[in-house]
Full PDB file with SEQRES, HELIX, SHEET, SSBOND, CRYST1, ORIGX, SCALE, CONECT and MASTER records, all heavy atoms in Angstrom:
SEQRES   1 A   38  ARG HIS MET TRP GLU ASN MET LYS LEU GLN PHE LYS GLY          
SEQRES   2 A   38  THR GLU TYR LYS ASN LEU LEU TRP ARG ALA ALA GLY ALA          
SEQRES   3 A   38  GLY THR GLU ARG SER TRP GLU LEU HIS MET GLN ALA              
HELIX    1 AA1 HIS A    2  MET A    7  1                                   6    
HELIX    2 AA2 THR A   14  GLY A   25  1                                  12    
HELIX    3 AA3 GLU A   29  GLN A   37  1                                   9    
CRYST1    1.000    1.000    1.000  90.00  90.00  90.00 P 1           1          
ORIGX1      1.000000  0.000000  0.000000        0.00000                         
ORIGX2      0.000000  1.000000  0.000000        0.00000                         
ORIGX3      0.000000  0.000000  1.000000        0.00000                         
SCALE1      1.000000  0.000000  0.000000        0.00000                         
SCALE2      0.000000  1.000000  0.000000        0.00000                         
SCALE3      0.000000  0.000000  1.000000        0.00000                         
ATOM      1  N   ARG A   1     207.495 144.922  43.881  1.00  0.00           N  
ATOM      2  CA  ARG A   1     207.972 145.782  42.796  1.00  0.00           C  
ATOM      3  C   ARG A   1     209.065 146.727  43.302  1.00  0.00           C  
ATOM      4  O   ARG A   1     210.086 146.928  42.644  1.00  0.00           O  
ATOM      5  CB  ARG A   1     206.825 146.597  42.195  1.00  0.00           C  
ATOM      6  CG  ARG A   1     207.233 147.361  40.940  1.00  0.00           C  
ATOM      7  CD  ARG A   1     206.087 148.172  40.384  1.00  0.00           C  
ATOM      8  NE  ARG A   1     205.771 149.302  41.235  1.00  0.00           N  
ATOM      9  CZ  ARG A   1     206.429 150.464  41.196  1.00  0.00           C  
ATOM     10  NH1 ARG A   1     207.457 150.615  40.384  1.00  0.00           N  
ATOM     11  NH2 ARG A   1     206.066 151.456  41.967  1.00  0.00           N  
ATOM     12  N   HIS A   2     208.852 147.318  44.474  1.00  0.00           N  
ATOM     13  CA  HIS A   2     209.872 148.190  45.044  1.00  0.00           C  
ATOM     14  C   HIS A   2     211.089 147.376  45.505  1.00  0.00           C  
ATOM     15  O   HIS A   2     212.221 147.869  45.483  1.00  0.00           O  
ATOM     16  CB  HIS A   2     209.290 148.981  46.208  1.00  0.00           C  
ATOM     17  CG  HIS A   2     208.315 150.032  45.785  1.00  0.00           C  
ATOM     18  ND1 HIS A   2     206.969 149.798  45.665  1.00  0.00           N  
ATOM     19  CD2 HIS A   2     208.504 151.324  45.423  1.00  0.00           C  
ATOM     20  CE1 HIS A   2     206.359 150.897  45.263  1.00  0.00           C  
ATOM     21  NE2 HIS A   2     207.271 151.833  45.106  1.00  0.00           N  
ATOM     22  N   MET A   3     210.839 146.154  45.932  1.00  0.00           N  
ATOM     23  CA  MET A   3     211.953 145.281  46.303  1.00  0.00           C  
ATOM     24  C   MET A   3     212.846 145.011  45.096  1.00  0.00           C  
ATOM     25  O   MET A   3     214.084 144.997  45.201  1.00  0.00           O  
ATOM     26  CB  MET A   3     211.391 143.971  46.871  1.00  0.00           C  
ATOM     27  CG  MET A   3     212.420 143.023  47.429  1.00  0.00           C  
ATOM     28  SD  MET A   3     211.625 141.589  48.187  1.00  0.00           S  
ATOM     29  CE  MET A   3     213.049 140.568  48.541  1.00  0.00           C  
ATOM     30  N   TRP A   4     212.210 144.795  43.931  1.00  0.00           N  
ATOM     31  CA  TRP A   4     212.991 144.579  42.709  1.00  0.00           C  
ATOM     32  C   TRP A   4     213.741 145.849  42.308  1.00  0.00           C  
ATOM     33  O   TRP A   4     214.859 145.773  41.789  1.00  0.00           O  
ATOM     34  CB  TRP A   4     212.086 144.108  41.573  1.00  0.00           C  
ATOM     35  CG  TRP A   4     212.708 144.274  40.217  1.00  0.00           C  
ATOM     36  CD1 TRP A   4     212.299 145.090  39.212  1.00  0.00           C  
ATOM     37  CD2 TRP A   4     213.881 143.606  39.724  1.00  0.00           C  
ATOM     38  NE1 TRP A   4     213.130 144.983  38.127  1.00  0.00           N  
ATOM     39  CE2 TRP A   4     214.118 144.070  38.415  1.00  0.00           C  
ATOM     40  CE3 TRP A   4     214.749 142.668  40.269  1.00  0.00           C  
ATOM     41  CZ2 TRP A   4     215.172 143.631  37.646  1.00  0.00           C  
ATOM     42  CZ3 TRP A   4     215.818 142.230  39.494  1.00  0.00           C  
ATOM     43  CH2 TRP A   4     216.022 142.706  38.199  1.00  0.00           C  
ATOM     44  N   GLU A   5     213.140 147.029  42.537  1.00  0.00           N  
ATOM     45  CA  GLU A   5     213.819 148.276  42.207  1.00  0.00           C  
ATOM     46  C   GLU A   5     215.132 148.391  42.973  1.00  0.00           C  
ATOM     47  O   GLU A   5     216.116 148.917  42.462  1.00  0.00           O  
ATOM     48  CB  GLU A   5     212.915 149.476  42.528  1.00  0.00           C  
ATOM     49  CG  GLU A   5     211.679 149.588  41.664  1.00  0.00           C  
ATOM     50  CD  GLU A   5     212.005 149.804  40.205  1.00  0.00           C  
ATOM     51  OE1 GLU A   5     213.013 150.479  39.921  1.00  0.00           O  
ATOM     52  OE2 GLU A   5     211.273 149.285  39.345  1.00  0.00           O  
ATOM     53  N   ASN A   6     215.151 147.921  44.222  1.00  0.00           N  
ATOM     54  CA  ASN A   6     216.389 147.933  44.997  1.00  0.00           C  
ATOM     55  C   ASN A   6     217.348 146.837  44.533  1.00  0.00           C  
ATOM     56  O   ASN A   6     218.566 147.040  44.494  1.00  0.00           O  
ATOM     57  CB  ASN A   6     216.078 147.746  46.486  1.00  0.00           C  
ATOM     58  CG  ASN A   6     215.298 148.909  47.056  1.00  0.00           C  
ATOM     59  OD1 ASN A   6     215.406 150.031  46.575  1.00  0.00           O  
ATOM     60  ND2 ASN A   6     214.508 148.657  48.082  1.00  0.00           N  
ATOM     61  N   MET A   7     216.795 145.676  44.184  1.00  0.00           N  
ATOM     62  CA  MET A   7     217.639 144.551  43.801  1.00  0.00           C  
ATOM     63  C   MET A   7     218.354 144.816  42.483  1.00  0.00           C  
ATOM     64  O   MET A   7     219.527 144.449  42.314  1.00  0.00           O  
ATOM     65  CB  MET A   7     216.784 143.285  43.703  1.00  0.00           C  
ATOM     66  CG  MET A   7     217.556 142.041  43.314  1.00  0.00           C  
ATOM     67  SD  MET A   7     216.490 140.581  43.198  1.00  0.00           S  
ATOM     68  CE  MET A   7     217.669 139.348  42.621  1.00  0.00           C  
ATOM     69  N   LYS A   8     217.668 145.455  41.542  1.00  0.00           N  
ATOM     70  CA  LYS A   8     218.258 145.619  40.208  1.00  0.00           C  
ATOM     71  C   LYS A   8     219.385 146.641  40.183  1.00  0.00           C  
ATOM     72  O   LYS A   8     220.075 146.767  39.165  1.00  0.00           O  
ATOM     73  CB  LYS A   8     217.180 146.002  39.192  1.00  0.00           C  
ATOM     74  CG  LYS A   8     216.696 147.437  39.277  1.00  0.00           C  
ATOM     75  CD  LYS A   8     215.679 147.702  38.185  1.00  0.00           C  
ATOM     76  CE  LYS A   8     215.243 149.158  38.146  1.00  0.00           C  
ATOM     77  NZ  LYS A   8     214.252 149.407  37.091  1.00  0.00           N  
ATOM     78  N   LEU A   9     219.592 147.362  41.294  1.00  0.00           N  
ATOM     79  CA  LEU A   9     220.746 148.247  41.365  1.00  0.00           C  
ATOM     80  C   LEU A   9     222.046 147.448  41.360  1.00  0.00           C  
ATOM     81  O   LEU A   9     223.088 147.950  40.936  1.00  0.00           O  
ATOM     82  CB  LEU A   9     220.674 149.118  42.626  1.00  0.00           C  
ATOM     83  CG  LEU A   9     219.485 150.082  42.715  1.00  0.00           C  
ATOM     84  CD1 LEU A   9     219.508 150.816  44.040  1.00  0.00           C  
ATOM     85  CD2 LEU A   9     219.499 151.078  41.555  1.00  0.00           C  
ATOM     86  N   GLN A  10     221.984 146.202  41.856  1.00  0.00           N  
ATOM     87  CA  GLN A  10     223.169 145.334  41.877  1.00  0.00           C  
ATOM     88  C   GLN A  10     223.085 144.201  40.855  1.00  0.00           C  
ATOM     89  O   GLN A  10     224.108 143.787  40.315  1.00  0.00           O  
ATOM     90  CB  GLN A  10     223.347 144.733  43.275  1.00  0.00           C  
ATOM     91  CG  GLN A  10     223.474 145.745  44.390  1.00  0.00           C  
ATOM     92  CD  GLN A  10     223.641 145.077  45.743  1.00  0.00           C  
ATOM     93  OE1 GLN A  10     224.344 144.077  45.871  1.00  0.00           O  
ATOM     94  NE2 GLN A  10     222.971 145.607  46.750  1.00  0.00           N  
ATOM     95  N   PHE A  11     221.857 143.713  40.612  1.00  0.00           N  
ATOM     96  CA  PHE A  11     221.682 142.551  39.735  1.00  0.00           C  
ATOM     97  C   PHE A  11     220.694 142.911  38.632  1.00  0.00           C  
ATOM     98  O   PHE A  11     219.482 142.876  38.826  1.00  0.00           O  
ATOM     99  CB  PHE A  11     221.178 141.352  40.546  1.00  0.00           C  
ATOM    100  CG  PHE A  11     221.988 141.085  41.785  1.00  0.00           C  
ATOM    101  CD1 PHE A  11     221.533 141.510  43.021  1.00  0.00           C  
ATOM    102  CD2 PHE A  11     223.202 140.429  41.712  1.00  0.00           C  
ATOM    103  CE1 PHE A  11     222.270 141.282  44.171  1.00  0.00           C  
ATOM    104  CE2 PHE A  11     223.951 140.185  42.850  1.00  0.00           C  
ATOM    105  CZ  PHE A  11     223.492 140.618  44.091  1.00  0.00           C  
ATOM    106  N   LYS A  12     221.230 143.281  37.499  1.00  0.00           N  
ATOM    107  CA  LYS A  12     220.388 143.731  36.392  1.00  0.00           C  
ATOM    108  C   LYS A  12     220.057 142.567  35.469  1.00  0.00           C  
ATOM    109  O   LYS A  12     220.832 141.622  35.348  1.00  0.00           O  
ATOM    110  CB  LYS A  12     221.090 144.836  35.611  1.00  0.00           C  
ATOM    111  CG  LYS A  12     221.468 146.047  36.456  1.00  0.00           C  
ATOM    112  CD  LYS A  12     222.130 147.101  35.605  1.00  0.00           C  
ATOM    113  CE  LYS A  12     222.596 148.274  36.459  1.00  0.00           C  
ATOM    114  NZ  LYS A  12     221.468 148.965  37.082  1.00  0.00           N  
ATOM    115  N   GLY A  13     218.905 142.650  34.830  1.00  0.00           N  
ATOM    116  CA  GLY A  13     218.533 141.642  33.851  1.00  0.00           C  
ATOM    117  C   GLY A  13     217.147 141.083  34.088  1.00  0.00           C  
ATOM    118  O   GLY A  13     216.672 140.997  35.226  1.00  0.00           O  
ATOM    119  N   THR A  14     216.499 140.709  32.990  1.00  0.00           N  
ATOM    120  CA  THR A  14     215.138 140.172  33.075  1.00  0.00           C  
ATOM    121  C   THR A  14     215.099 138.837  33.809  1.00  0.00           C  
ATOM    122  O   THR A  14     214.107 138.532  34.476  1.00  0.00           O  
ATOM    123  CB  THR A  14     214.569 140.002  31.654  1.00  0.00           C  
ATOM    124  OG1 THR A  14     214.676 141.228  30.942  1.00  0.00           O  
ATOM    125  CG2 THR A  14     213.103 139.582  31.703  1.00  0.00           C  
ATOM    126  N   GLU A  15     216.167 138.051  33.712  1.00  0.00           N  
ATOM    127  CA  GLU A  15     216.173 136.735  34.336  1.00  0.00           C  
ATOM    128  C   GLU A  15     216.104 136.851  35.858  1.00  0.00           C  
ATOM    129  O   GLU A  15     215.379 136.098  36.510  1.00  0.00           O  
ATOM    130  CB  GLU A  15     217.418 135.957  33.916  1.00  0.00           C  
ATOM    131  CG  GLU A  15     217.336 134.471  34.220  1.00  0.00           C  
ATOM    132  CD  GLU A  15     218.416 133.681  33.532  1.00  0.00           C  
ATOM    133  OE1 GLU A  15     219.260 134.295  32.856  1.00  0.00           O  
ATOM    134  OE2 GLU A  15     218.416 132.444  33.672  1.00  0.00           O  
ATOM    135  N   TYR A  16     216.834 137.809  36.416  1.00  0.00           N  
ATOM    136  CA  TYR A  16     216.763 138.040  37.865  1.00  0.00           C  
ATOM    137  C   TYR A  16     215.343 138.453  38.269  1.00  0.00           C  
ATOM    138  O   TYR A  16     214.803 137.976  39.265  1.00  0.00           O  
ATOM    139  CB  TYR A  16     217.750 139.131  38.281  1.00  0.00           C  
ATOM    140  CG  TYR A  16     219.193 138.727  38.249  1.00  0.00           C  
ATOM    141  CD1 TYR A  16     220.042 139.201  37.251  1.00  0.00           C  
ATOM    142  CD2 TYR A  16     219.730 137.890  39.224  1.00  0.00           C  
ATOM    143  CE1 TYR A  16     221.376 138.844  37.218  1.00  0.00           C  
ATOM    144  CE2 TYR A  16     221.067 137.527  39.197  1.00  0.00           C  
ATOM    145  CZ  TYR A  16     221.888 138.007  38.193  1.00  0.00           C  
ATOM    146  OH  TYR A  16     223.212 137.655  38.161  1.00  0.00           O  
ATOM    147  N   LYS A  17     214.758 139.339  37.474  1.00  0.00           N  
ATOM    148  CA  LYS A  17     213.415 139.841  37.782  1.00  0.00           C  
ATOM    149  C   LYS A  17     212.387 138.721  37.748  1.00  0.00           C  
ATOM    150  O   LYS A  17     211.554 138.593  38.657  1.00  0.00           O  
ATOM    151  CB  LYS A  17     213.038 140.935  36.774  1.00  0.00           C  
ATOM    152  CG  LYS A  17     211.642 141.489  36.955  1.00  0.00           C  
ATOM    153  CD  LYS A  17     211.328 142.534  35.897  1.00  0.00           C  
ATOM    154  CE  LYS A  17     209.917 143.071  36.057  1.00  0.00           C  
ATOM    155  NZ  LYS A  17     209.603 144.080  35.009  1.00  0.00           N  
ATOM    156  N   ASN A  18     212.426 137.898  36.709  1.00  0.00           N  
ATOM    157  CA  ASN A  18     211.450 136.817  36.579  1.00  0.00           C  
ATOM    158  C   ASN A  18     211.568 135.806  37.713  1.00  0.00           C  
ATOM    159  O   ASN A  18     210.560 135.336  38.253  1.00  0.00           O  
ATOM    160  CB  ASN A  18     211.624 136.125  35.228  1.00  0.00           C  
ATOM    161  CG  ASN A  18     211.260 137.025  34.059  1.00  0.00           C  
ATOM    162  OD1 ASN A  18     210.530 138.001  34.225  1.00  0.00           O  
ATOM    163  ND2 ASN A  18     211.766 136.707  32.884  1.00  0.00           N  
ATOM    164  N   LEU A  19     212.802 135.469  38.099  1.00  0.00           N  
ATOM    165  CA  LEU A  19     212.993 134.497  39.175  1.00  0.00           C  
ATOM    166  C   LEU A  19     212.516 135.049  40.515  1.00  0.00           C  
ATOM    167  O   LEU A  19     211.939 134.320  41.327  1.00  0.00           O  
ATOM    168  CB  LEU A  19     214.468 134.099  39.259  1.00  0.00           C  
ATOM    169  CG  LEU A  19     214.991 133.208  38.122  1.00  0.00           C  
ATOM    170  CD1 LEU A  19     216.491 132.997  38.257  1.00  0.00           C  
ATOM    171  CD2 LEU A  19     214.264 131.873  38.103  1.00  0.00           C  
ATOM    172  N   LEU A  20     212.735 136.343  40.741  1.00  0.00           N  
ATOM    173  CA  LEU A  20     212.266 136.956  41.993  1.00  0.00           C  
ATOM    174  C   LEU A  20     210.744 136.921  42.072  1.00  0.00           C  
ATOM    175  O   LEU A  20     210.166 136.565  43.110  1.00  0.00           O  
ATOM    176  CB  LEU A  20     212.767 138.393  42.091  1.00  0.00           C  
ATOM    177  CG  LEU A  20     212.246 139.186  43.302  1.00  0.00           C  
ATOM    178  CD1 LEU A  20     212.764 138.581  44.612  1.00  0.00           C  
ATOM    179  CD2 LEU A  20     212.652 140.662  43.199  1.00  0.00           C  
ATOM    180  N   TRP A  21     210.078 137.273  40.977  1.00  0.00           N  
ATOM    181  CA  TRP A  21     208.620 137.295  40.980  1.00  0.00           C  
ATOM    182  C   TRP A  21     208.040 135.881  41.085  1.00  0.00           C  
ATOM    183  O   TRP A  21     206.997 135.686  41.709  1.00  0.00           O  
ATOM    184  CB  TRP A  21     208.106 137.985  39.715  1.00  0.00           C  
ATOM    185  CG  TRP A  21     208.068 139.472  39.867  1.00  0.00           C  
ATOM    186  CD1 TRP A  21     208.980 140.372  39.400  1.00  0.00           C  
ATOM    187  CD2 TRP A  21     207.071 140.242  40.539  1.00  0.00           C  
ATOM    188  NE1 TRP A  21     208.604 141.647  39.736  1.00  0.00           N  
ATOM    189  CE2 TRP A  21     207.438 141.597  40.431  1.00  0.00           C  
ATOM    190  CE3 TRP A  21     205.895 139.917  41.215  1.00  0.00           C  
ATOM    191  CZ2 TRP A  21     206.680 142.625  40.983  1.00  0.00           C  
ATOM    192  CZ3 TRP A  21     205.127 140.940  41.754  1.00  0.00           C  
ATOM    193  CH2 TRP A  21     205.524 142.278  41.640  1.00  0.00           C  
ATOM    194  N   ARG A  22     208.712 134.902  40.484  1.00  0.00           N  
ATOM    195  CA  ARG A  22     208.231 133.521  40.603  1.00  0.00           C  
ATOM    196  C   ARG A  22     208.348 133.031  42.035  1.00  0.00           C  
ATOM    197  O   ARG A  22     207.456 132.355  42.553  1.00  0.00           O  
ATOM    198  CB  ARG A  22     209.031 132.615  39.662  1.00  0.00           C  
ATOM    199  CG  ARG A  22     208.711 132.818  38.176  1.00  0.00           C  
ATOM    200  CD  ARG A  22     209.699 132.074  37.304  1.00  0.00           C  
ATOM    201  NE  ARG A  22     209.528 132.398  35.893  1.00  0.00           N  
ATOM    202  CZ  ARG A  22     210.405 132.086  34.947  1.00  0.00           C  
ATOM    203  NH1 ARG A  22     211.518 131.430  35.274  1.00  0.00           N  
ATOM    204  NH2 ARG A  22     210.176 132.419  33.684  1.00  0.00           N  
ATOM    205  N   ALA A  23     209.455 133.373  42.693  1.00  0.00           N  
ATOM    206  CA  ALA A  23     209.624 132.977  44.086  1.00  0.00           C  
ATOM    207  C   ALA A  23     208.604 133.683  44.976  1.00  0.00           C  
ATOM    208  O   ALA A  23     208.037 133.073  45.893  1.00  0.00           O  
ATOM    209  CB  ALA A  23     211.046 133.299  44.551  1.00  0.00           C  
ATOM    210  N   ALA A  24     208.343 134.973  44.700  1.00  0.00           N  
ATOM    211  CA  ALA A  24     207.377 135.728  45.514  1.00  0.00           C  
ATOM    212  C   ALA A  24     205.958 135.217  45.315  1.00  0.00           C  
ATOM    213  O   ALA A  24     205.155 135.205  46.250  1.00  0.00           O  
ATOM    214  CB  ALA A  24     207.450 137.210  45.167  1.00  0.00           C  
ATOM    215  N   GLY A  25     205.617 134.777  44.099  1.00  0.00           N  
ATOM    216  CA  GLY A  25     204.253 134.343  43.813  1.00  0.00           C  
ATOM    217  C   GLY A  25     203.976 132.884  44.082  1.00  0.00           C  
ATOM    218  O   GLY A  25     202.834 132.439  43.934  1.00  0.00           O  
ATOM    219  N   ALA A  26     204.988 132.111  44.499  1.00  0.00           N  
ATOM    220  CA  ALA A  26     204.786 130.682  44.769  1.00  0.00           C  
ATOM    221  C   ALA A  26     203.829 130.501  45.937  1.00  0.00           C  
ATOM    222  O   ALA A  26     203.954 131.153  46.972  1.00  0.00           O  
ATOM    223  CB  ALA A  26     206.121 130.008  45.054  1.00  0.00           C  
ATOM    224  N   GLY A  27     202.883 129.575  45.779  1.00  0.00           N  
ATOM    225  CA  GLY A  27     201.887 129.350  46.823  1.00  0.00           C  
ATOM    226  C   GLY A  27     202.327 128.374  47.899  1.00  0.00           C  
ATOM    227  O   GLY A  27     201.829 128.431  49.026  1.00  0.00           O  
ATOM    228  N   THR A  28     203.248 127.487  47.577  1.00  0.00           N  
ATOM    229  CA  THR A  28     203.709 126.478  48.534  1.00  0.00           C  
ATOM    230  C   THR A  28     205.201 126.663  48.809  1.00  0.00           C  
ATOM    231  O   THR A  28     205.944 127.197  47.976  1.00  0.00           O  
ATOM    232  CB  THR A  28     203.462 125.058  48.008  1.00  0.00           C  
ATOM    233  OG1 THR A  28     204.223 124.868  46.798  1.00  0.00           O  
ATOM    234  CG2 THR A  28     201.980 124.853  47.705  1.00  0.00           C  
ATOM    235  N   GLU A  29     205.627 126.197  49.983  1.00  0.00           N  
ATOM    236  CA  GLU A  29     207.031 126.337  50.363  1.00  0.00           C  
ATOM    237  C   GLU A  29     207.934 125.524  49.449  1.00  0.00           C  
ATOM    238  O   GLU A  29     209.057 125.933  49.151  1.00  0.00           O  
ATOM    239  CB  GLU A  29     207.219 125.910  51.815  1.00  0.00           C  
ATOM    240  CG  GLU A  29     206.612 126.872  52.826  1.00  0.00           C  
ATOM    241  CD  GLU A  29     207.063 126.575  54.239  1.00  0.00           C  
ATOM    242  OE1 GLU A  29     208.186 126.045  54.400  1.00  0.00           O  
ATOM    243  OE2 GLU A  29     206.306 126.855  55.171  1.00  0.00           O  
ATOM    244  N   ARG A  30     207.466 124.353  49.017  1.00  0.00           N  
ATOM    245  CA  ARG A  30     208.268 123.514  48.123  1.00  0.00           C  
ATOM    246  C   ARG A  30     208.529 124.237  46.800  1.00  0.00           C  
ATOM    247  O   ARG A  30     209.654 124.249  46.301  1.00  0.00           O  
ATOM    248  CB  ARG A  30     207.557 122.182  47.874  1.00  0.00           C  
ATOM    249  CG  ARG A  30     208.262 121.255  46.903  1.00  0.00           C  
ATOM    250  CD  ARG A  30     209.681 120.957  47.327  1.00  0.00           C  
ATOM    251  NE  ARG A  30     210.357 120.079  46.382  1.00  0.00           N  
ATOM    252  CZ  ARG A  30     211.675 119.950  46.303  1.00  0.00           C  
ATOM    253  NH1 ARG A  30     212.469 120.644  47.105  1.00  0.00           N  
ATOM    254  NH2 ARG A  30     212.202 119.120  45.426  1.00  0.00           N  
ATOM    255  N   SER A  31     207.508 124.853  46.241  1.00  0.00           N  
ATOM    256  CA  SER A  31     207.678 125.603  44.996  1.00  0.00           C  
ATOM    257  C   SER A  31     208.596 126.802  45.215  1.00  0.00           C  
ATOM    258  O   SER A  31     209.434 127.127  44.361  1.00  0.00           O  
ATOM    259  CB  SER A  31     206.315 126.057  44.482  1.00  0.00           C  
ATOM    260  OG  SER A  31     206.436 126.820  43.304  1.00  0.00           O  
ATOM    261  N   TRP A  32     208.461 127.462  46.363  1.00  0.00           N  
ATOM    262  CA  TRP A  32     209.317 128.612  46.681  1.00  0.00           C  
ATOM    263  C   TRP A  32     210.782 128.185  46.771  1.00  0.00           C  
ATOM    264  O   TRP A  32     211.681 128.881  46.276  1.00  0.00           O  
ATOM    265  CB  TRP A  32     208.857 129.218  47.998  1.00  0.00           C  
ATOM    266  CG  TRP A  32     209.704 130.348  48.496  1.00  0.00           C  
ATOM    267  CD1 TRP A  32     209.722 131.632  48.043  1.00  0.00           C  
ATOM    268  CD2 TRP A  32     210.678 130.286  49.552  1.00  0.00           C  
ATOM    269  NE1 TRP A  32     210.631 132.378  48.751  1.00  0.00           N  
ATOM    270  CE2 TRP A  32     211.235 131.579  49.689  1.00  0.00           C  
ATOM    271  CE3 TRP A  32     211.119 129.274  50.401  1.00  0.00           C  
ATOM    272  CZ2 TRP A  32     212.212 131.871  50.634  1.00  0.00           C  
ATOM    273  CZ3 TRP A  32     212.085 129.568  51.338  1.00  0.00           C  
ATOM    274  CH2 TRP A  32     212.627 130.848  51.462  1.00  0.00           C  
ATOM    275  N   GLU A  33     211.037 127.035  47.395  1.00  0.00           N  
ATOM    276  CA  GLU A  33     212.403 126.542  47.522  1.00  0.00           C  
ATOM    277  C   GLU A  33     213.021 126.245  46.153  1.00  0.00           C  
ATOM    278  O   GLU A  33     214.215 126.495  45.932  1.00  0.00           O  
ATOM    279  CB  GLU A  33     212.420 125.287  48.391  1.00  0.00           C  
ATOM    280  CG  GLU A  33     212.103 125.550  49.859  1.00  0.00           C  
ATOM    281  CD  GLU A  33     211.929 124.268  50.644  1.00  0.00           C  
ATOM    282  OE1 GLU A  33     211.980 123.180  50.005  1.00  0.00           O  
ATOM    283  OE2 GLU A  33     211.738 124.330  51.872  1.00  0.00           O  
ATOM    284  N   LEU A  34     212.208 125.720  45.225  1.00  0.00           N  
ATOM    285  CA  LEU A  34     212.721 125.434  43.884  1.00  0.00           C  
ATOM    286  C   LEU A  34     213.111 126.716  43.158  1.00  0.00           C  
ATOM    287  O   LEU A  34     214.155 126.771  42.497  1.00  0.00           O  
ATOM    288  CB  LEU A  34     211.668 124.663  43.080  1.00  0.00           C  
ATOM    289  CG  LEU A  34     211.365 123.235  43.546  1.00  0.00           C  
ATOM    290  CD1 LEU A  34     210.218 122.648  42.743  1.00  0.00           C  
ATOM    291  CD2 LEU A  34     212.612 122.352  43.416  1.00  0.00           C  
ATOM    292  N   HIS A  35     212.286 127.773  43.284  1.00  0.00           N  
ATOM    293  CA  HIS A  35     212.604 129.042  42.630  1.00  0.00           C  
ATOM    294  C   HIS A  35     213.806 129.714  43.294  1.00  0.00           C  
ATOM    295  O   HIS A  35     214.624 130.347  42.604  1.00  0.00           O  
ATOM    296  CB  HIS A  35     211.392 129.966  42.665  1.00  0.00           C  
ATOM    297  CG  HIS A  35     210.242 129.494  41.826  1.00  0.00           C  
ATOM    298  ND1 HIS A  35     210.373 129.180  40.491  1.00  0.00           N  
ATOM    299  CD2 HIS A  35     208.932 129.284  42.129  1.00  0.00           C  
ATOM    300  CE1 HIS A  35     209.211 128.789  39.999  1.00  0.00           C  
ATOM    301  NE2 HIS A  35     208.320 128.848  40.985  1.00  0.00           N  
ATOM    302  N   MET A  36     213.930 129.584  44.609  1.00  0.00           N  
ATOM    303  CA  MET A  36     215.086 130.147  45.294  1.00  0.00           C  
ATOM    304  C   MET A  36     216.367 129.416  44.891  1.00  0.00           C  
ATOM    305  O   MET A  36     217.428 130.031  44.748  1.00  0.00           O  
ATOM    306  CB  MET A  36     214.886 130.076  46.801  1.00  0.00           C  
ATOM    307  CG  MET A  36     213.802 131.005  47.345  1.00  0.00           C  
ATOM    308  SD  MET A  36     214.161 132.752  47.038  1.00  0.00           S  
ATOM    309  CE  MET A  36     215.628 132.970  48.033  1.00  0.00           C  
ATOM    310  N   GLN A  37     216.269 128.116  44.687  1.00  0.00           N  
ATOM    311  CA  GLN A  37     217.429 127.351  44.230  1.00  0.00           C  
ATOM    312  C   GLN A  37     217.832 127.780  42.829  1.00  0.00           C  
ATOM    313  O   GLN A  37     219.025 127.819  42.501  1.00  0.00           O  
ATOM    314  CB  GLN A  37     217.104 125.856  44.257  1.00  0.00           C  
ATOM    315  CG  GLN A  37     218.271 124.949  43.911  1.00  0.00           C  
ATOM    316  CD  GLN A  37     219.444 125.094  44.879  1.00  0.00           C  
ATOM    317  OE1 GLN A  37     219.248 125.176  46.094  1.00  0.00           O  
ATOM    318  NE2 GLN A  37     220.658 125.118  44.347  1.00  0.00           N  
ATOM    319  N   ALA A  38     216.842 128.126  41.990  1.00  0.00           N  
ATOM    320  CA  ALA A  38     217.144 128.609  40.639  1.00  0.00           C  
ATOM    321  C   ALA A  38     217.904 129.936  40.706  1.00  0.00           C  
ATOM    322  O   ALA A  38     218.823 130.175  39.906  1.00  0.00           O  
ATOM    323  CB  ALA A  38     215.857 128.770  39.845  1.00  0.00           C  
TER     324      ALA A  38                                                      
MASTER        0    0    0    3    0    0    0    6  323    1    0    3          
END                                                                             
């Protein structure tokens, strides 16, 4: 949450927030790589 507070100073918008949380919550590396690619 604090990481997003720093990130949104440069990249605003719900889409950035949702993608960050999806990447952070991914349980497997393959799923994490897909969210990072998004």
